[in-house]
Amino acid sequence: MRVLGIETSCDETGVAVYCSEVGLLAHDLYSQVAQHADYGGVVPELASRDHVRKLLPLCEKVLAEAGLAKSDLDAIAYTAGPGLIGALMVGSTTAHGLGLALGIPVLGVHHMEGHLLAPMLEPDPPAFPFIALLVSGGHTQLVQVQGIGEYVLLGESVDDAAGEAFDKTAKMLGLDYPGGPRVAALARSGQPGRFVFPRPMTHKPGLDFSFSGLKTYTANTLRDARAAGDDSQQTRADVALAFETAVAETLAIKCRRAMAATGIRRLIVAGGVSANVALREHLESLMEKEQGRVYYARHEFCTDNGAMIAYAGCQRLLAGQQDGDAMLAVPRWPMAELPPIA
């Protein structure tokens, strides 16, 4: 089965073609980051309009790179949610229009399931069951995964997601959007140990996360430093390092608890924050101590992309699932509502 995957949940237009027999045939991504940077974050209306402009040309480009015509496709998968409603509608209507014209099935895919399954695109994918740490701008979740669609939510953020906290910290530090990579870059020149930030909710039982207090602690640290006449680049770097270390260690602590609770020693990490080097170092150290193994998607598939949607959609399409005539665009969509596949 050859599946065209379409991702338009936020500020990146992703398209890919996945073949159930061969694997990933082609993929490409158009990022709107430069356009939204002037506003310090994503402007939903601008995102939707840019998806309208870029999606069909990107589909044509990816199909040409795969050596396929539209008539060679067997199905289309698109991100149905969660995400920005206008952006989701662009992908949904485009997918259903193409599907109707070609007479092929169409399926809406859960965005976070796409991230969760992205490591399956690698040459040595994890076997089920595993623990999934999903860390992005909008989500921080720990999920026990028995199979596709067999998900048990172990813990999630009760306020800011980790990626959101990175973006807000970047603004405090005077850094541009997107904040995560820029905070990480600044942290590389930070002095370890000058500031030590709390590891939120690690002194309480459970697997939920909270990063809003860490964001406030960062703001207070910067305010105190500036009040003392210290607003140097080195101080900002030291604060960035303290913040990044606190987030990474907090996530690692909760992963260790999840493995202890489930007995599972396979961990996958997905979502935009999974590209963070400090987080990977902490998790690699953890898994070495736990005699387990951690899996990631390749760097280009950590952020939003069409390949993960094409793969996730293909698995469900092969199981007989499809939308029918309903076009889906679901801004909020708990992953626990997804049906398992046989």
C-alpha atoms as a PDB file:
ATOM      1  CA  MET A   1       0.000   0.000   0.000  1.00  0.00           C
ATOM      2  CA  ARG A   2       1.355   3.425  -1.010  1.00  0.00           C
ATOM      3  CA  VAL A   3       0.115   6.168   1.337  1.00  0.00           C
ATOM      4  CA  LEU A   4       0.444   9.919   0.940  1.00  0.00           C
ATOM      5  CA  GLY A   5       0.912  11.535   4.362  1.00  0.00           C
ATOM      6  CA  ILE A   6      -0.059  15.165   5.024  1.00  0.00           C
ATOM      7  CA  GLU A   7       0.867  17.101   8.182  1.00  0.00           C
ATOM      8  CA  THR A   8      -0.570  20.611   8.742  1.00  0.00           C
ATOM      9  CA  SER A   9      -1.281  20.764  12.471  1.00  0.00           C
ATOM     10  CA  CYS A  10       0.661  23.939  13.259  1.00  0.00           C
ATOM     11  CA  ASP A  11       3.439  25.864  11.512  1.00  0.00           C
ATOM     12  CA  GLU A  12       5.065  23.218   9.310  1.00  0.00           C
ATOM     13  CA  THR A  13       3.719  21.734   6.097  1.00  0.00           C
ATOM     14  CA  GLY A  14       4.916  18.131   5.828  1.00  0.00           C
ATOM     15  CA  VAL A  15       4.281  15.639   3.028  1.00  0.00           C
ATOM     16  CA  ALA A  16       5.585  12.092   2.548  1.00  0.00           C
ATOM     17  CA  VAL A  17       4.885   8.868   0.688  1.00  0.00           C
ATOM     18  CA  TYR A  18       5.193   5.601   2.604  1.00  0.00           C
ATOM     19  CA  CYS A  19       4.959   2.130   1.078  1.00  0.00           C
ATOM     20  CA  SER A  20       3.993  -0.782   3.306  1.00  0.00           C
ATOM     21  CA  GLU A  21       6.338  -3.105   1.388  1.00  0.00           C
ATOM     22  CA  VAL A  22       9.326  -0.841   0.708  1.00  0.00           C
ATOM     23  CA  GLY A  23       9.231   1.803   3.419  1.00  0.00           C
ATOM     24  CA  LEU A  24       9.557   5.561   3.128  1.00  0.00           C
ATOM     25  CA  LEU A  25       9.756   6.596  -0.529  1.00  0.00           C
ATOM     26  CA  ALA A  26      10.053  10.382  -0.259  1.00  0.00           C
ATOM     27  CA  HIS A  27       9.339  13.245   2.122  1.00  0.00           C
ATOM     28  CA  ASP A  28       9.700  17.005   2.343  1.00  0.00           C
ATOM     29  CA  LEU A  29       8.908  19.791   4.775  1.00  0.00           C
ATOM     30  CA  TYR A  30       8.202  23.484   4.489  1.00  0.00           C
ATOM     31  CA  SER A  31       8.719  25.374   7.754  1.00  0.00           C
ATOM     32  CA  GLN A  32       6.974  28.653   8.561  1.00  0.00           C
ATOM     33  CA  VAL A  33       9.366  29.479  11.413  1.00  0.00           C
ATOM     34  CA  ALA A  34      10.853  32.553   9.711  1.00  0.00           C
ATOM     35  CA  GLN A  35       7.389  33.984   9.071  1.00  0.00           C
ATOM     36  CA  HIS A  36       6.211  33.572  12.674  1.00  0.00           C
ATOM     37  CA  ALA A  37       9.500  34.645  14.270  1.00  0.00           C
ATOM     38  CA  ASP A  38       8.584  38.316  13.799  1.00  0.00           C
ATOM     39  CA  TYR A  39       5.597  37.763  16.108  1.00  0.00           C
ATOM     40  CA  GLY A  40       7.409  35.681  18.746  1.00  0.00           C
ATOM     41  CA  GLY A  41       5.134  32.669  18.165  1.00  0.00           C
ATOM     42  CA  VAL A  42       2.677  31.037  15.799  1.00  0.00           C
ATOM     43  CA  VAL A  43      -0.099  33.236  14.372  1.00  0.00           C
ATOM     44  CA  PRO A  44      -2.887  30.735  13.552  1.00  0.00           C
ATOM     45  CA  GLU A  45      -4.417  32.640  10.615  1.00  0.00           C
ATOM     46  CA  LEU A  46      -1.044  33.141   8.949  1.00  0.00           C
ATOM     47  CA  ALA A  47      -0.254  29.445   9.469  1.00  0.00           C
ATOM     48  CA  SER A  48      -3.493  28.361   7.793  1.00  0.00           C
ATOM     49  CA  ARG A  49      -2.965  30.628   4.795  1.00  0.00           C
ATOM     50  CA  ASP A  50       0.585  29.427   4.307  1.00  0.00           C
ATOM     51  CA  HIS A  51      -0.548  25.781   4.366  1.00  0.00           C
ATOM     52  CA  VAL A  52      -3.033  26.629   1.588  1.00  0.00           C
ATOM     53  CA  ARG A  53      -0.222  28.101  -0.514  1.00  0.00           C
ATOM     54  CA  LYS A  54       2.360  25.392   0.081  1.00  0.00           C
ATOM     55  CA  LEU A  55       0.526  22.069   0.485  1.00  0.00           C
ATOM     56  CA  LEU A  56      -0.399  21.091  -3.074  1.00  0.00           C
ATOM     57  CA  PRO A  57       2.956  22.146  -4.608  1.00  0.00           C
ATOM     58  CA  LEU A  58       4.705  20.142  -1.877  1.00  0.00           C
ATOM     59  CA  CYS A  59       2.537  17.097  -2.685  1.00  0.00           C
ATOM     60  CA  GLU A  60       3.532  17.379  -6.349  1.00  0.00           C
ATOM     61  CA  LYS A  61       7.213  17.656  -5.412  1.00  0.00           C
ATOM     62  CA  VAL A  62       7.174  14.638  -3.098  1.00  0.00           C
ATOM     63  CA  LEU A  63       5.306  12.470  -5.600  1.00  0.00           C
ATOM     64  CA  ALA A  64       7.863  13.404  -8.281  1.00  0.00           C
ATOM     65  CA  GLU A  65      10.727  12.489  -5.941  1.00  0.00           C
ATOM     66  CA  ALA A  66       9.048   9.147  -5.250  1.00  0.00           C
ATOM     67  CA  GLY A  67       8.622   8.546  -8.983  1.00  0.00           C
ATOM     68  CA  LEU A  68       4.854   8.248  -8.616  1.00  0.00           C
ATOM     69  CA  ALA A  69       1.783   9.767 -10.187  1.00  0.00           C
ATOM     70  CA  LYS A  70      -1.281  10.574  -8.118  1.00  0.00           C
ATOM     71  CA  SER A  71      -2.966   7.551  -9.683  1.00  0.00           C
ATOM     72  CA  ASP A  72      -0.301   5.309  -8.120  1.00  0.00           C
ATOM     73  CA  LEU A  73      -1.469   6.161  -4.596  1.00  0.00           C
ATOM     74  CA  ASP A  74      -3.582   3.655  -2.681  1.00  0.00           C
ATOM     75  CA  ALA A  75      -4.649   5.918   0.211  1.00  0.00           C
ATOM     76  CA  ILE A  76      -4.126   9.286   1.896  1.00  0.00           C
ATOM     77  CA  ALA A  77      -3.467   9.976   5.585  1.00  0.00           C
ATOM     78  CA  TYR A  78      -3.601  13.427   7.135  1.00  0.00           C
ATOM     79  CA  THR A  79      -3.280  14.951  10.600  1.00  0.00           C
ATOM     80  CA  ALA A  80      -6.796  15.331  11.990  1.00  0.00           C
ATOM     81  CA  GLY A  81      -5.747  16.653  15.409  1.00  0.00           C
ATOM     82  CA  PRO A  82      -4.832  17.867  17.872  1.00  0.00           C
ATOM     83  CA  GLY A  83      -3.662  21.201  16.506  1.00  0.00           C
ATOM     84  CA  LEU A  84      -4.782  24.583  15.218  1.00  0.00           C
ATOM     85  CA  ILE A  85      -8.274  24.219  13.802  1.00  0.00           C
ATOM     86  CA  GLY A  86      -7.655  26.278  10.660  1.00  0.00           C
ATOM     87  CA  ALA A  87      -4.407  24.505   9.872  1.00  0.00           C
ATOM     88  CA  LEU A  88      -6.011  21.102  10.437  1.00  0.00           C
ATOM     89  CA  MET A  89      -8.872  21.983   8.092  1.00  0.00           C
ATOM     90  CA  VAL A  90      -6.433  22.729   5.274  1.00  0.00           C
ATOM     91  CA  GLY A  91      -4.956  19.229   5.517  1.00  0.00           C
ATOM     92  CA  SER A  92      -8.339  17.565   5.994  1.00  0.00           C
ATOM     93  CA  THR A  93     -10.078  19.215   3.046  1.00  0.00           C
ATOM     94  CA  THR A  94      -7.080  18.716   0.765  1.00  0.00           C
ATOM     95  CA  ALA A  95      -6.802  15.037   1.671  1.00  0.00           C
ATOM     96  CA  HIS A  96     -10.504  14.400   1.169  1.00  0.00           C
ATOM     97  CA  GLY A  97     -10.564  16.323  -2.097  1.00  0.00           C
ATOM     98  CA  LEU A  98      -7.695  14.276  -3.464  1.00  0.00           C
ATOM     99  CA  GLY A  99      -9.191  11.057  -2.138  1.00  0.00           C
ATOM    100  CA  LEU A 100     -12.540  11.777  -3.781  1.00  0.00           C
ATOM    101  CA  ALA A 101     -10.898  12.646  -7.087  1.00  0.00           C
ATOM    102  CA  LEU A 102      -8.722   9.530  -7.048  1.00  0.00           C
ATOM    103  CA  GLY A 103     -11.338   7.178  -5.591  1.00  0.00           C
ATOM    104  CA  ILE A 104      -9.082   6.035  -2.750  1.00  0.00           C
ATOM    105  CA  PRO A 105      -9.622   5.841   1.051  1.00  0.00           C
ATOM    106  CA  VAL A 106      -8.653   8.683   3.357  1.00  0.00           C
ATOM    107  CA  LEU A 107      -7.865   8.537   7.076  1.00  0.00           C
ATOM    108  CA  GLY A 108      -7.375  11.203   9.735  1.00  0.00           C
ATOM    109  CA  VAL A 109      -4.394  10.465  12.000  1.00  0.00           C
ATOM    110  CA  HIS A 110      -3.772  11.545  15.586  1.00  0.00           C
ATOM    111  CA  HIS A 111      -0.800  13.909  15.607  1.00  0.00           C
ATOM    112  CA  MET A 112       0.736  12.496  18.797  1.00  0.00           C
ATOM    113  CA  GLU A 113       0.323   8.915  17.597  1.00  0.00           C
ATOM    114  CA  GLY A 114       2.361   9.992  14.601  1.00  0.00           C
ATOM    115  CA  HIS A 115       5.125  11.238  16.900  1.00  0.00           C
ATOM    116  CA  LEU A 116       4.881   8.124  19.051  1.00  0.00           C
ATOM    117  CA  LEU A 117       5.376   5.856  16.030  1.00  0.00           C
ATOM    118  CA  ALA A 118       8.059   7.966  14.305  1.00  0.00           C
ATOM    119  CA  PRO A 119      10.918   5.782  15.675  1.00  0.00           C
ATOM    120  CA  MET A 120       9.352   2.879  13.760  1.00  0.00           C
ATOM    121  CA  LEU A 121      10.718   4.502  10.594  1.00  0.00           C
ATOM    122  CA  GLU A 122      14.285   3.774  11.724  1.00  0.00           C
ATOM    123  CA  PRO A 123      16.290   0.718  10.592  1.00  0.00           C
ATOM    124  CA  ASP A 124      16.204  -0.812  14.106  1.00  0.00           C
ATOM    125  CA  PRO A 125      12.766   0.045  15.514  1.00  0.00           C
ATOM    126  CA  PRO A 126      11.643  -0.846  19.047  1.00  0.00           C
ATOM    127  CA  ALA A 127       9.481  -3.881  19.692  1.00  0.00           C
ATOM    128  CA  PHE A 128       6.249  -3.639  21.654  1.00  0.00           C
ATOM    129  CA  PRO A 129       5.694  -3.057  24.533  1.00  0.00           C
ATOM    130  CA  PHE A 130       7.548   0.148  25.349  1.00  0.00           C
ATOM    131  CA  ILE A 131       7.248   3.369  27.317  1.00  0.00           C
ATOM    132  CA  ALA A 132       6.851   6.517  25.233  1.00  0.00           C
ATOM    133  CA  LEU A 133       7.955   9.949  26.410  1.00  0.00           C
ATOM    134  CA  LEU A 134       6.213  12.484  24.163  1.00  0.00           C
ATOM    135  CA  VAL A 135       7.712  15.957  24.550  1.00  0.00           C
ATOM    136  CA  SER A 136       6.700  18.805  22.274  1.00  0.00           C
ATOM    137  CA  GLY A 137       5.511  22.386  22.374  1.00  0.00           C
ATOM    138  CA  GLY A 138       2.000  21.339  23.273  1.00  0.00           C
ATOM    139  CA  HIS A 139       2.369  17.985  25.027  1.00  0.00           C
ATOM    140  CA  THR A 140       4.429  16.267  27.693  1.00  0.00           C
ATOM    141  CA  GLN A 141       3.186  12.730  28.290  1.00  0.00           C
ATOM    142  CA  LEU A 142       4.360   9.335  29.453  1.00  0.00           C
ATOM    143  CA  VAL A 143       2.464   6.530  27.743  1.00  0.00           C
ATOM    144  CA  GLN A 144       2.615   2.759  28.126  1.00  0.00           C
ATOM    145  CA  VAL A 145       2.350   1.268  24.642  1.00  0.00           C
ATOM    146  CA  GLN A 146       1.344  -2.378  24.179  1.00  0.00           C
ATOM    147  CA  GLY A 147       0.645  -2.002  20.465  1.00  0.00           C
ATOM    148  CA  ILE A 148      -0.740   0.499  17.977  1.00  0.00           C
ATOM    149  CA  GLY A 149      -3.832   1.972  19.568  1.00  0.00           C
ATOM    150  CA  GLU A 150      -3.176   0.229  22.906  1.00  0.00           C
ATOM    151  CA  TYR A 151      -2.168   3.201  25.010  1.00  0.00           C
ATOM    152  CA  VAL A 152      -2.259   3.784  28.755  1.00  0.00           C
ATOM    153  CA  LEU A 153      -1.563   7.357  29.826  1.00  0.00           C
ATOM    154  CA  LEU A 154       0.810   7.174  32.796  1.00  0.00           C
ATOM    155  CA  GLY A 155       1.367  10.877  33.323  1.00  0.00           C
ATOM    156  CA  GLU A 156       1.159  14.268  31.627  1.00  0.00           C
ATOM    157  CA  SER A 157       1.810  17.921  32.255  1.00  0.00           C
ATOM    158  CA  VAL A 158      -0.771  19.632  34.435  1.00  0.00           C
ATOM    159  CA  ASP A 159       0.172  23.051  32.999  1.00  0.00           C
ATOM    160  CA  ASP A 160       2.903  24.082  30.547  1.00  0.00           C
ATOM    161  CA  ALA A 161       4.384  21.404  28.315  1.00  0.00           C
ATOM    162  CA  ALA A 162       8.180  21.153  28.269  1.00  0.00           C
ATOM    163  CA  GLY A 163       8.463  22.720  24.819  1.00  0.00           C
ATOM    164  CA  GLU A 164       6.157  25.559  25.831  1.00  0.00           C
ATOM    165  CA  ALA A 165       8.317  26.219  28.891  1.00  0.00           C
ATOM    166  CA  PHE A 166      11.397  26.358  26.643  1.00  0.00           C
ATOM    167  CA  ASP A 167       9.688  28.918  24.379  1.00  0.00           C
ATOM    168  CA  LYS A 168       8.629  31.112  27.312  1.00  0.00           C
ATOM    169  CA  THR A 169      12.090  30.914  28.867  1.00  0.00           C
ATOM    170  CA  ALA A 170      13.589  31.956  25.537  1.00  0.00           C
ATOM    171  CA  LYS A 171      11.477  35.124  25.581  1.00  0.00           C
ATOM    172  CA  MET A 172      12.715  35.934  29.093  1.00  0.00           C
ATOM    173  CA  LEU A 173      16.278  35.536  27.846  1.00  0.00           C
ATOM    174  CA  GLY A 174      15.655  37.780  24.838  1.00  0.00           C
ATOM    175  CA  LEU A 175      15.894  34.927  22.330  1.00  0.00           C
ATOM    176  CA  ASP A 176      13.898  34.535  19.131  1.00  0.00           C
ATOM    177  CA  TYR A 177      11.227  31.967  18.288  1.00  0.00           C
ATOM    178  CA  PRO A 178      11.419  28.966  18.239  1.00  0.00           C
ATOM    179  CA  GLY A 179      12.829  29.044  21.733  1.00  0.00           C
ATOM    180  CA  GLY A 180      13.904  25.463  22.391  1.00  0.00           C
ATOM    181  CA  PRO A 181      16.905  25.258  20.033  1.00  0.00           C
ATOM    182  CA  ARG A 182      18.012  28.777  20.984  1.00  0.00           C
ATOM    183  CA  VAL A 183      17.925  28.106  24.725  1.00  0.00           C
ATOM    184  CA  ALA A 184      19.923  24.913  24.110  1.00  0.00           C
ATOM    185  CA  ALA A 185      22.484  26.805  22.011  1.00  0.00           C
ATOM    186  CA  LEU A 186      22.888  29.488  24.693  1.00  0.00           C
ATOM    187  CA  ALA A 187      23.166  26.839  27.423  1.00  0.00           C
ATOM    188  CA  ARG A 188      26.253  25.369  25.753  1.00  0.00           C
ATOM    189  CA  SER A 189      28.291  28.340  27.006  1.00  0.00           C
ATOM    190  CA  GLY A 190      26.754  28.226  30.492  1.00  0.00           C
ATOM    191  CA  GLN A 191      28.717  27.588  33.689  1.00  0.00           C
ATOM    192  CA  PRO A 192      27.486  24.374  35.376  1.00  0.00           C
ATOM    193  CA  GLY A 193      26.365  24.761  38.967  1.00  0.00           C
ATOM    194  CA  ARG A 194      26.195  28.535  39.174  1.00  0.00           C
ATOM    195  CA  PHE A 195      22.403  28.291  39.336  1.00  0.00           C
ATOM    196  CA  VAL A 196      20.532  25.186  40.463  1.00  0.00           C
ATOM    197  CA  PHE A 197      16.846  25.118  39.597  1.00  0.00           C
ATOM    198  CA  PRO A 198      14.219  22.845  41.195  1.00  0.00           C
ATOM    199  CA  ARG A 199      13.110  19.568  39.606  1.00  0.00           C
ATOM    200  CA  PRO A 200       9.338  20.132  39.747  1.00  0.00           C
ATOM    201  CA  MET A 201       7.033  17.426  41.119  1.00  0.00           C
ATOM    202  CA  THR A 202       9.882  14.944  41.582  1.00  0.00           C
ATOM    203  CA  HIS A 203       9.494  14.962  45.375  1.00  0.00           C
ATOM    204  CA  LYS A 204       5.875  13.826  45.046  1.00  0.00           C
ATOM    205  CA  PRO A 205       4.711  10.376  43.966  1.00  0.00           C
ATOM    206  CA  GLY A 206       3.226   9.981  40.519  1.00  0.00           C
ATOM    207  CA  LEU A 207       4.173  10.581  36.913  1.00  0.00           C
ATOM    208  CA  ASP A 208       2.598  13.938  36.125  1.00  0.00           C
ATOM    209  CA  PHE A 209       4.688  16.960  35.129  1.00  0.00           C
ATOM    210  CA  SER A 210       4.525  20.667  35.901  1.00  0.00           C
ATOM    211  CA  PHE A 211       6.790  23.255  34.278  1.00  0.00           C
ATOM    212  CA  SER A 212       5.001  26.522  35.036  1.00  0.00           C
ATOM    213  CA  GLY A 213       6.747  26.824  38.425  1.00  0.00           C
ATOM    214  CA  LEU A 214      10.122  26.273  36.773  1.00  0.00           C
ATOM    215  CA  LYS A 215       9.299  29.063  34.332  1.00  0.00           C
ATOM    216  CA  THR A 216       8.499  31.351  37.294  1.00  0.00           C
ATOM    217  CA  TYR A 217      11.732  30.357  39.046  1.00  0.00           C
ATOM    218  CA  THR A 218      13.623  31.291  35.891  1.00  0.00           C
ATOM    219  CA  ALA A 219      11.892  34.677  35.740  1.00  0.00           C
ATOM    220  CA  ASN A 220      12.701  35.379  39.389  1.00  0.00           C
ATOM    221  CA  THR A 221      16.354  34.387  38.927  1.00  0.00           C
ATOM    222  CA  LEU A 222      16.727  36.733  35.976  1.00  0.00           C
ATOM    223  CA  ARG A 223      14.933  39.549  37.853  1.00  0.00           C
ATOM    224  CA  ASP A 224      17.235  39.187  40.855  1.00  0.00           C
ATOM    225  CA  ALA A 225      20.336  39.146  38.666  1.00  0.00           C
ATOM    226  CA  ARG A 226      19.241  42.250  36.772  1.00  0.00           C
ATOM    227  CA  ALA A 227      18.321  44.018  40.015  1.00  0.00           C
ATOM    228  CA  ALA A 228      21.903  43.388  41.123  1.00  0.00           C
ATOM    229  CA  GLY A 229      23.158  44.988  37.907  1.00  0.00           C
ATOM    230  CA  ASP A 230      24.059  41.705  36.207  1.00  0.00           C
ATOM    231  CA  ASP A 231      22.454  41.273  32.800  1.00  0.00           C
ATOM    232  CA  SER A 232      25.488  39.834  31.085  1.00  0.00           C
ATOM    233  CA  GLN A 233      25.501  37.287  28.300  1.00  0.00           C
ATOM    234  CA  GLN A 234      27.277  34.860  30.632  1.00  0.00           C
ATOM    235  CA  THR A 235      24.539  35.143  33.256  1.00  0.00           C
ATOM    236  CA  ARG A 236      21.877  34.498  30.628  1.00  0.00           C
ATOM    237  CA  ALA A 237      23.842  31.457  29.469  1.00  0.00           C
ATOM    238  CA  ASP A 238      24.138  30.195  33.042  1.00  0.00           C
ATOM    239  CA  VAL A 239      20.385  30.575  33.548  1.00  0.00           C
ATOM    240  CA  ALA A 240      19.698  28.790  30.243  1.00  0.00           C
ATOM    241  CA  LEU A 241      21.887  25.879  31.315  1.00  0.00           C
ATOM    242  CA  ALA A 242      20.235  25.644  34.748  1.00  0.00           C
ATOM    243  CA  PHE A 243      16.791  25.638  33.152  1.00  0.00           C
ATOM    244  CA  GLU A 244      17.686  23.056  30.487  1.00  0.00           C
ATOM    245  CA  THR A 245      19.331  20.762  33.059  1.00  0.00           C
ATOM    246  CA  ALA A 246      16.298  20.952  35.348  1.00  0.00           C
ATOM    247  CA  VAL A 247      13.931  20.001  32.522  1.00  0.00           C
ATOM    248  CA  ALA A 248      16.138  17.140  31.325  1.00  0.00           C
ATOM    249  CA  GLU A 249      16.648  15.687  34.802  1.00  0.00           C
ATOM    250  CA  THR A 250      12.951  16.003  35.636  1.00  0.00           C
ATOM    251  CA  LEU A 251      11.982  14.097  32.497  1.00  0.00           C
ATOM    252  CA  ALA A 252      14.602  11.423  33.208  1.00  0.00           C
ATOM    253  CA  ILE A 253      13.401  10.979  36.802  1.00  0.00           C
ATOM    254  CA  LYS A 254       9.821  10.451  35.637  1.00  0.00           C
ATOM    255  CA  CYS A 255      10.949   7.991  32.969  1.00  0.00           C
ATOM    256  CA  ARG A 256      12.774   5.964  35.617  1.00  0.00           C
ATOM    257  CA  ARG A 257       9.599   5.871  37.703  1.00  0.00           C
ATOM    258  CA  ALA A 258       7.544   4.771  34.711  1.00  0.00           C
ATOM    259  CA  MET A 259       9.912   1.891  34.035  1.00  0.00           C
ATOM    260  CA  ALA A 260       9.845   0.872  37.689  1.00  0.00           C
ATOM    261  CA  ALA A 261       6.038   0.902  37.672  1.00  0.00           C
ATOM    262  CA  THR A 262       5.663  -1.121  34.461  1.00  0.00           C
ATOM    263  CA  GLY A 263       8.771  -3.306  34.380  1.00  0.00           C
ATOM    264  CA  ILE A 264       9.362  -2.201  30.762  1.00  0.00           C
ATOM    265  CA  ARG A 265      12.946  -1.312  29.852  1.00  0.00           C
ATOM    266  CA  ARG A 266      12.349  -0.019  26.328  1.00  0.00           C
ATOM    267  CA  LEU A 267      11.855   3.740  26.080  1.00  0.00           C
ATOM    268  CA  ILE A 268      11.057   5.782  22.989  1.00  0.00           C
ATOM    269  CA  VAL A 269      11.335   9.563  23.016  1.00  0.00           C
ATOM    270  CA  ALA A 270       9.516  11.612  20.393  1.00  0.00           C
ATOM    271  CA  GLY A 271       8.399  15.164  19.694  1.00  0.00           C
ATOM    272  CA  GLY A 272      10.390  18.319  19.076  1.00  0.00           C
ATOM    273  CA  VAL A 273      12.084  18.405  22.491  1.00  0.00           C
ATOM    274  CA  SER A 274      13.457  14.886  21.870  1.00  0.00           C
ATOM    275  CA  ALA A 275      16.119  16.536  19.683  1.00  0.00           C
ATOM    276  CA  ASN A 276      17.576  18.269  22.741  1.00  0.00           C
ATOM    277  CA  VAL A 277      21.122  17.003  23.325  1.00  0.00           C
ATOM    278  CA  ALA A 278      21.074  17.441  27.101  1.00  0.00           C
ATOM    279  CA  LEU A 279      17.872  15.427  27.390  1.00  0.00           C
ATOM    280  CA  ARG A 280      19.348  12.645  25.279  1.00  0.00           C
ATOM    281  CA  GLU A 281      22.482  12.540  27.422  1.00  0.00           C
ATOM    282  CA  HIS A 282      20.443  12.221  30.615  1.00  0.00           C
ATOM    283  CA  LEU A 283      18.249   9.494  29.142  1.00  0.00           C
ATOM    284  CA  GLU A 284      21.202   7.561  27.724  1.00  0.00           C
ATOM    285  CA  SER A 285      22.802   7.613  31.173  1.00  0.00           C
ATOM    286  CA  LEU A 286      19.557   6.501  32.770  1.00  0.00           C
ATOM    287  CA  MET A 287      19.028   3.596  30.368  1.00  0.00           C
ATOM    288  CA  GLU A 288      22.603   2.417  30.837  1.00  0.00           C
ATOM    289  CA  LYS A 289      22.006   2.210  34.603  1.00  0.00           C
ATOM    290  CA  GLU A 290      18.614   0.552  34.090  1.00  0.00           C
ATOM    291  CA  GLN A 291      20.041  -1.930  31.536  1.00  0.00           C
ATOM    292  CA  GLY A 292      17.466  -0.793  29.044  1.00  0.00           C
ATOM    293  CA  ARG A 293      17.481   0.960  25.705  1.00  0.00           C
ATOM    294  CA  VAL A 294      16.204   4.294  24.443  1.00  0.00           C
ATOM    295  CA  TYR A 295      15.011   4.867  20.867  1.00  0.00           C
ATOM    296  CA  TYR A 296      14.571   8.124  18.946  1.00  0.00           C
ATOM    297  CA  ALA A 297      13.349   9.211  15.576  1.00  0.00           C
ATOM    298  CA  ARG A 298      16.049  10.692  13.361  1.00  0.00           C
ATOM    299  CA  HIS A 299      16.517  14.422  13.907  1.00  0.00           C
ATOM    300  CA  GLU A 300      14.404  15.518  10.925  1.00  0.00           C
ATOM    301  CA  PHE A 301      11.472  13.425  12.201  1.00  0.00           C
ATOM    302  CA  CYS A 302      11.560  14.749  15.782  1.00  0.00           C
ATOM    303  CA  THR A 303       9.563  17.822  14.799  1.00  0.00           C
ATOM    304  CA  ASP A 304       6.301  17.738  12.838  1.00  0.00           C
ATOM    305  CA  ASN A 305       6.621  15.903   9.521  1.00  0.00           C
ATOM    306  CA  GLY A 306       4.612  14.029   6.908  1.00  0.00           C
ATOM    307  CA  ALA A 307       6.563  10.771   7.224  1.00  0.00           C
ATOM    308  CA  MET A 308       5.208   9.964  10.684  1.00  0.00           C
ATOM    309  CA  ILE A 309       1.648  10.633   9.491  1.00  0.00           C
ATOM    310  CA  ALA A 310       2.099   8.473   6.396  1.00  0.00           C
ATOM    311  CA  TYR A 311       3.469   5.605   8.509  1.00  0.00           C
ATOM    312  CA  ALA A 312       0.848   5.799  11.262  1.00  0.00           C
ATOM    313  CA  GLY A 313      -1.922   6.151   8.701  1.00  0.00           C
ATOM    314  CA  CYS A 314      -0.655   3.187   6.707  1.00  0.00           C
ATOM    315  CA  GLN A 315      -0.823   0.891   9.725  1.00  0.00           C
ATOM    316  CA  ARG A 316      -4.442   1.809  10.400  1.00  0.00           C
ATOM    317  CA  LEU A 317      -5.449   1.759   6.740  1.00  0.00           C
ATOM    318  CA  LEU A 318      -4.045  -1.757   6.428  1.00  0.00           C
ATOM    319  CA  ALA A 319      -6.322  -2.700   9.327  1.00  0.00           C
ATOM    320  CA  GLY A 320      -9.328  -1.429   7.382  1.00  0.00           C
ATOM    321  CA  GLN A 321      -9.839   1.914   9.095  1.00  0.00           C
ATOM    322  CA  GLN A 322     -10.823   4.995   7.045  1.00  0.00           C
ATOM    323  CA  ASP A 323     -12.819   8.203   7.386  1.00  0.00           C
ATOM    324  CA  GLY A 324     -15.616   7.619   4.940  1.00  0.00           C
ATOM    325  CA  ASP A 325     -17.261  10.942   4.018  1.00  0.00           C
ATOM    326  CA  ALA A 326     -16.434  12.692   7.311  1.00  0.00           C
ATOM    327  CA  MET A 327     -13.671  15.295   7.226  1.00  0.00           C
ATOM    328  CA  LEU A 328     -12.011  15.439  10.626  1.00  0.00           C
ATOM    329  CA  ALA A 329     -10.396  18.443  12.300  1.00  0.00           C
ATOM    330  CA  VAL A 330     -10.169  17.955  16.075  1.00  0.00           C
ATOM    331  CA  PRO A 331      -8.244  20.648  18.004  1.00  0.00           C
ATOM    332  CA  ARG A 332      -8.312  18.574  21.228  1.00  0.00           C
ATOM    333  CA  TRP A 333      -8.221  14.808  20.978  1.00  0.00           C
ATOM    334  CA  PRO A 334      -7.166  12.489  23.847  1.00  0.00           C
ATOM    335  CA  MET A 335      -5.013   9.697  22.462  1.00  0.00           C
ATOM    336  CA  ALA A 336      -6.775   7.198  24.741  1.00  0.00           C
ATOM    337  CA  GLU A 337      -9.835   7.524  22.480  1.00  0.00           C
ATOM    338  CA  LEU A 338      -8.015   5.855  19.587  1.00  0.00           C
ATOM    339  CA  PRO A 339      -9.125   2.306  18.759  1.00  0.00           C
ATOM    340  CA  PRO A 340      -6.538  -0.503  18.744  1.00  0.00           C
ATOM    341  CA  ILE A 341      -5.728  -2.287  15.518  1.00  0.00           C
ATOM    342  CA  ALA A 342      -5.737  -6.031  15.198  1.00  0.00           C
END
